[in-house]
Amino acid sequence: MPIFRTVLAIAIILCALAKPALAQDAPALFYQPQETDRQITPAQWKNIWQQSRANGYGTLIVQWTSYGEIDFGGKQGWLAKSLQIAQDNHLSLIVGLHMDPAYYNRLTEIDIAGTGAYLENQLGLSLQQAEMVQQGWNLKISGWYVPLELDDWNFEQQARRDIMNERLRGLAARLTHPLHISSFSGGKLTPAAYARWLESLNAAGIHVWAQDGAGTGTLPPFARKIYLQALPCNIGIVLEAFRQTSKENEPFRAKPAPIETHQSKCHPMAVFGLRYMPWAETFFRP
């Protein structure tokens, strides 16, 4: 009996390691659409979503449905159809809106006076995208996601953070479902100031997801831990299931890696991202 119990315990542990041991029953999984994903067949999408559900994920966060001039085929395109298959396989959908590919470059080029006008334009495009998706994509939407990520490099100045907060509150007031956004820290703000910023958005009804930074390794592990520990429990944490292999000024490349579940604590949890999951990565290879 002791031997049997030991073997059983080991089997249970190994099974648990195959799934995210997180703070919530059904964590979210990020999916970042790329045009090359159009090669995936409906049958393969069904398998991907079924395996995602079987591995404990209950919500899919789609990073964007419009990327510059790319609309992924619109309401009759491959992305809309793949998300319809996802919801048919019991995944809730938080649907991403419009992304400007030059977003980070634009933020470095404009001053504080130009920030408001730029964000007004970009979030206006996201509002238009939300209307198109809601009217034509045949999806049951549980939330919207703005892919304009927050960081404490471009938003180190309080005036810029105030502008972003105001614009996001304005967008959230015009949407029919809760608004989500993600953030990451480069160490420019103190952990307390970074946490206050994210909490101010959460207090306005905007759901914030803070990236744990393990994949990019911008901050050393001890610093990442301090920043995450400073966050209140209502801020979600995105566990990065990859490790960046590309160097600065090279096209982004990464390989799958284990998530750091010790950061889960009391927070809502999400994992980035789908293309690094063992049941999906073969479908996303070039």
Protein backbone atom coordinates (compact mmCIF):
# COMPACT_ATOMS: atom_id res chain seq x y z
CA MET A 1 0.00 0.00 0.00
CA PRO A 2 2.71 2.57 0.78
CA ILE A 3 4.31 1.90 -2.64
CA PHE A 4 0.94 2.22 -4.38
CA ARG A 5 0.24 5.50 -2.61
CA THR A 6 3.65 6.84 -3.56
CA VAL A 7 3.16 5.95 -7.23
CA LEU A 8 -0.33 7.47 -7.17
CA ALA A 9 0.98 10.67 -5.62
CA ILE A 10 3.69 10.96 -8.27
CA ALA A 11 1.12 10.43 -11.02
CA ILE A 12 -1.10 13.16 -9.60
CA ILE A 13 1.83 15.58 -9.42
CA LEU A 14 2.90 14.87 -13.01
CA CYS A 15 -0.66 15.38 -14.22
CA ALA A 16 -0.88 18.71 -12.38
CA LEU A 17 2.36 19.92 -13.97
CA ALA A 18 0.85 19.51 -17.43
CA LYS A 19 -1.80 22.11 -16.62
CA PRO A 20 -1.48 25.62 -15.18
CA ALA A 21 -1.58 25.40 -11.38
CA LEU A 22 -3.04 28.88 -11.02
CA ALA A 23 -5.11 30.86 -8.57
CA GLN A 24 -8.35 30.56 -10.53
CA ASP A 25 -10.26 27.53 -11.81
CA ALA A 26 -10.26 28.46 -15.48
CA PRO A 27 -7.47 30.89 -16.41
CA ALA A 28 -7.38 32.85 -19.64
CA LEU A 29 -5.17 32.11 -22.65
CA PHE A 30 -3.86 34.82 -24.97
CA TYR A 31 -3.93 34.34 -28.73
CA GLN A 32 -2.03 36.76 -30.97
CA PRO A 33 -3.38 36.36 -34.54
CA GLN A 34 -0.96 36.46 -37.45
CA GLU A 35 -1.80 36.27 -41.15
CA THR A 36 0.18 33.03 -41.46
CA ASP A 37 -2.42 31.39 -39.18
CA ARG A 38 -4.87 31.38 -42.09
CA GLN A 39 -3.31 28.07 -43.19
CA ILE A 40 -4.84 26.29 -40.16
CA THR A 41 -7.93 24.30 -41.17
CA PRO A 42 -11.28 24.40 -39.33
CA ALA A 43 -10.70 20.84 -38.13
CA GLN A 44 -7.30 21.83 -36.72
CA TRP A 45 -8.81 24.88 -35.01
CA LYS A 46 -11.41 22.65 -33.42
CA ASN A 47 -8.65 20.41 -32.08
CA ILE A 48 -6.67 23.41 -30.79
CA TRP A 49 -9.66 24.84 -28.93
CA GLN A 50 -10.76 21.49 -27.53
CA GLN A 51 -7.25 20.87 -26.22
CA SER A 52 -7.12 24.37 -24.76
CA ARG A 53 -10.34 23.69 -22.88
CA ALA A 54 -9.16 20.23 -21.79
CA ASN A 55 -5.98 21.78 -20.38
CA GLY A 56 -7.91 24.03 -18.04
CA TYR A 57 -8.41 27.28 -19.96
CA GLY A 58 -11.85 28.86 -19.87
CA THR A 59 -11.33 32.22 -21.59
CA LEU A 60 -9.56 33.21 -24.79
CA ILE A 61 -8.12 36.74 -24.99
CA VAL A 62 -7.65 37.62 -28.66
CA GLN A 63 -4.96 40.28 -28.86
CA TRP A 64 -6.38 42.05 -31.91
CA THR A 65 -8.83 41.65 -34.78
CA SER A 66 -7.39 44.54 -36.78
CA TYR A 67 -3.65 45.12 -37.22
CA GLY A 68 -2.80 48.19 -39.25
CA GLU A 69 -4.43 47.59 -42.63
CA ILE A 70 -4.89 43.86 -41.96
CA ASP A 71 -8.45 42.83 -41.03
CA PHE A 72 -7.92 39.04 -41.20
CA GLY A 73 -10.73 38.72 -43.74
CA GLY A 74 -13.32 40.63 -41.71
CA LYS A 75 -16.62 39.03 -40.78
CA GLN A 76 -16.23 36.23 -43.36
CA GLY A 77 -12.51 35.70 -42.74
CA TRP A 78 -10.53 32.90 -41.20
CA LEU A 79 -10.12 34.65 -37.83
CA ALA A 80 -13.86 35.21 -37.33
CA LYS A 81 -14.54 31.58 -38.23
CA SER A 82 -11.83 30.26 -35.91
CA LEU A 83 -13.28 32.28 -33.01
CA GLN A 84 -16.74 30.93 -33.77
CA ILE A 85 -15.25 27.44 -33.44
CA ALA A 86 -13.63 28.50 -30.14
CA GLN A 87 -16.95 29.62 -28.64
CA ASP A 88 -18.63 26.45 -29.93
CA ASN A 89 -16.07 24.59 -27.82
CA HIS A 90 -17.00 26.47 -24.65
CA LEU A 91 -14.32 29.17 -24.56
CA SER A 92 -15.43 32.63 -23.45
CA LEU A 93 -14.12 35.39 -25.70
CA ILE A 94 -12.42 38.65 -24.81
CA VAL A 95 -11.95 40.17 -28.24
CA GLY A 96 -9.06 42.44 -29.15
CA LEU A 97 -9.65 45.58 -31.17
CA HIS A 98 -7.37 47.72 -33.37
CA MET A 99 -3.58 47.75 -33.15
CA ASP A 100 -1.31 50.33 -34.74
CA PRO A 101 1.93 48.49 -35.70
CA ALA A 102 3.81 51.77 -35.18
CA TYR A 103 2.35 52.36 -31.69
CA TYR A 104 5.61 52.23 -29.73
CA ASN A 105 7.52 54.27 -32.30
CA ARG A 106 4.79 56.90 -32.36
CA LEU A 107 4.88 57.25 -28.57
CA THR A 108 8.60 57.97 -28.70
CA GLU A 109 8.14 60.54 -31.49
CA ILE A 110 5.34 62.67 -30.05
CA ASP A 111 5.35 64.91 -27.01
CA ILE A 112 2.78 65.06 -24.24
CA ALA A 113 0.70 67.58 -26.19
CA GLY A 114 0.43 65.16 -29.11
CA THR A 115 -0.34 62.13 -26.96
CA GLY A 116 -4.00 62.95 -26.43
CA ALA A 117 -4.76 63.42 -30.13
CA TYR A 118 -2.90 60.24 -31.09
CA LEU A 119 -4.65 58.10 -28.48
CA GLU A 120 -8.00 59.67 -29.35
CA ASN A 121 -7.51 58.55 -32.95
CA GLN A 122 -6.32 55.05 -32.10
CA LEU A 123 -9.02 54.34 -29.55
CA GLY A 124 -11.57 55.72 -32.00
CA LEU A 125 -10.43 53.06 -34.47
CA SER A 126 -10.85 50.47 -31.72
CA LEU A 127 -14.40 51.68 -31.11
CA GLN A 128 -15.16 51.31 -34.82
CA GLN A 129 -13.68 47.82 -34.77
CA ALA A 130 -15.82 46.85 -31.78
CA GLU A 131 -18.94 47.96 -33.64
CA MET A 132 -17.98 45.94 -36.74
CA VAL A 133 -17.18 42.81 -34.75
CA GLN A 134 -20.32 43.04 -32.67
CA GLN A 135 -22.52 43.53 -35.71
CA GLY A 136 -21.00 41.04 -38.13
CA TRP A 137 -18.75 38.41 -36.55
CA ASN A 138 -21.46 36.29 -34.90
CA LEU A 139 -19.62 36.06 -31.59
CA LYS A 140 -20.81 36.01 -27.98
CA ILE A 141 -18.43 38.56 -26.53
CA SER A 142 -17.66 38.72 -22.81
CA GLY A 143 -15.16 41.58 -23.02
CA TRP A 144 -13.06 43.83 -25.25
CA TYR A 145 -9.28 44.07 -25.22
CA VAL A 146 -7.28 47.14 -26.27
CA PRO A 147 -3.91 45.96 -27.65
CA LEU A 148 -2.17 49.29 -26.96
CA GLU A 149 -0.07 47.99 -24.07
CA LEU A 150 0.86 50.20 -21.14
CA ASP A 151 4.43 50.48 -19.90
CA ASP A 152 6.42 52.72 -17.59
CA TRP A 153 8.90 53.76 -20.28
CA ASN A 154 6.50 55.57 -22.58
CA PHE A 155 4.20 56.49 -19.68
CA GLU A 156 6.79 57.38 -17.08
CA GLN A 157 5.42 60.92 -16.89
CA GLN A 158 2.30 61.37 -14.78
CA ALA A 159 0.76 63.73 -17.38
CA ARG A 160 0.94 61.04 -20.03
CA ARG A 161 -0.55 58.43 -17.71
CA ASP A 162 -3.41 60.81 -16.92
CA ILE A 163 -4.10 61.27 -20.64
CA MET A 164 -4.15 57.53 -21.25
CA ASN A 165 -6.42 56.95 -18.25
CA GLU A 166 -8.86 59.60 -19.45
CA ARG A 167 -8.98 58.21 -23.00
CA LEU A 168 -9.47 54.64 -21.77
CA ARG A 169 -12.30 55.69 -19.47
CA GLY A 170 -13.95 57.43 -22.41
CA LEU A 171 -13.70 54.30 -24.57
CA ALA A 172 -14.93 52.02 -21.78
CA ALA A 173 -18.02 54.21 -21.33
CA ARG A 174 -18.97 53.67 -24.98
CA LEU A 175 -18.48 49.91 -25.11
CA THR A 176 -21.17 47.35 -24.34
CA HIS A 177 -18.81 44.92 -22.58
CA PRO A 178 -15.97 45.34 -20.03
CA LEU A 179 -12.68 46.73 -21.32
CA HIS A 180 -9.36 44.94 -20.76
CA ILE A 181 -5.77 46.10 -21.31
CA SER A 182 -2.32 44.78 -20.39
CA SER A 183 0.84 46.37 -19.04
CA PHE A 184 4.48 45.65 -18.38
CA SER A 185 7.17 47.29 -16.28
CA GLY A 186 10.65 48.31 -17.37
CA GLY A 187 11.57 49.52 -13.91
CA LYS A 188 11.08 53.23 -14.61
CA LEU A 189 8.36 53.68 -11.97
CA THR A 190 8.72 52.39 -8.44
CA PRO A 191 6.73 49.22 -7.70
CA ALA A 192 4.31 51.27 -5.57
CA ALA A 193 3.77 53.91 -8.28
CA TYR A 194 3.29 51.25 -10.95
CA ALA A 195 0.74 49.47 -8.76
CA ARG A 196 -1.14 52.73 -8.06
CA TRP A 197 -1.39 53.43 -11.79
CA LEU A 198 -2.86 50.03 -12.59
CA GLU A 199 -5.20 50.20 -9.62
CA SER A 200 -6.48 53.62 -10.76
CA LEU A 201 -7.54 52.03 -14.05
CA ASN A 202 -9.11 49.09 -12.28
CA ALA A 203 -11.06 51.46 -10.05
CA ALA A 204 -12.49 53.01 -13.23
CA GLY A 205 -13.81 49.60 -14.32
CA ILE A 206 -10.97 48.74 -16.70
CA HIS A 207 -9.56 45.25 -16.23
CA VAL A 208 -5.76 45.36 -16.19
CA TRP A 209 -3.46 42.40 -16.91
CA ALA A 210 0.16 42.86 -15.78
CA GLN A 211 2.72 40.81 -17.68
CA ASP A 212 5.15 38.92 -15.44
CA GLY A 213 8.11 39.72 -17.72
CA ALA A 214 9.63 36.24 -17.49
CA GLY A 215 9.58 35.77 -21.26
CA THR A 216 11.40 38.93 -22.26
CA GLY A 217 13.65 39.08 -19.20
CA THR A 218 13.77 42.89 -19.25
CA LEU A 219 14.05 42.93 -15.46
CA PRO A 220 16.01 40.44 -13.33
CA PRO A 221 13.93 37.85 -11.44
CA PHE A 222 14.20 39.55 -8.04
CA ALA A 223 12.92 42.85 -9.50
CA ARG A 224 10.03 41.17 -11.35
CA LYS A 225 9.00 39.55 -8.08
CA ILE A 226 8.96 42.88 -6.23
CA TYR A 227 6.82 44.54 -8.90
CA LEU A 228 4.31 41.68 -8.98
CA GLN A 229 4.09 41.47 -5.19
CA ALA A 230 3.18 45.16 -5.06
CA LEU A 231 0.07 44.64 -7.19
CA PRO A 232 -3.35 44.38 -5.51
CA CYS A 233 -5.24 41.13 -5.99
CA ASN A 234 -7.72 42.59 -8.48
CA ILE A 235 -4.95 43.12 -11.07
CA GLY A 236 -4.58 40.11 -13.35
CA ILE A 237 -1.18 38.60 -14.05
CA VAL A 238 -0.07 37.30 -17.45
CA LEU A 239 2.37 34.41 -17.13
CA GLU A 240 4.68 34.35 -20.15
CA ALA A 241 5.10 30.79 -21.47
CA PHE A 242 8.07 31.68 -23.66
CA ARG A 243 11.65 32.87 -23.50
CA GLN A 244 12.83 35.44 -25.99
CA THR A 245 15.76 34.24 -28.12
CA SER A 246 16.11 37.25 -30.45
CA LYS A 247 18.46 40.09 -29.63
CA GLU A 248 17.82 43.83 -29.65
CA ASN A 249 16.98 45.20 -33.13
CA GLU A 250 16.28 41.68 -34.45
CA PRO A 251 12.83 40.36 -35.43
CA PHE A 252 11.16 38.89 -32.37
CA ARG A 253 11.83 35.18 -31.83
CA ALA A 254 11.03 33.03 -28.82
CA LYS A 255 10.77 29.43 -27.72
CA PRO A 256 8.26 27.75 -25.38
CA ALA A 257 9.16 27.73 -21.68
CA PRO A 258 7.49 26.74 -18.40
CA ILE A 259 5.35 29.37 -16.70
CA GLU A 260 6.34 30.67 -13.27
CA THR A 261 3.22 29.73 -11.32
CA HIS A 262 4.68 30.85 -7.99
CA GLN A 263 3.68 34.38 -9.00
CA SER A 264 -0.04 33.45 -9.08
CA LYS A 265 -0.88 34.41 -5.49
CA CYS A 266 -4.46 35.80 -5.37
CA HIS A 267 -4.67 37.31 -8.84
CA PRO A 268 -6.79 36.47 -11.89
CA MET A 269 -4.43 34.60 -14.20
CA ALA A 270 -3.76 34.44 -17.92
CA VAL A 271 -1.05 32.74 -19.96
CA PHE A 272 0.71 34.10 -23.05
CA GLY A 273 0.27 32.51 -25.36
CA LEU A 274 -1.48 29.93 -27.46
CA ARG A 275 1.28 29.40 -30.03
CA TYR A 276 3.66 28.23 -27.28
CA MET A 277 1.29 25.57 -25.94
CA PRO A 278 2.41 21.97 -26.63
CA TRP A 279 -0.92 21.01 -28.26
CA ALA A 280 -0.82 24.05 -30.58
CA GLU A 281 2.77 25.05 -31.39
CA THR A 282 3.14 22.64 -34.35
CA PHE A 283 0.24 24.36 -36.14
CA PHE A 284 1.88 27.80 -35.83
CA ARG A 285 5.31 26.94 -37.16
CA PRO A 286 6.29 28.85 -40.36
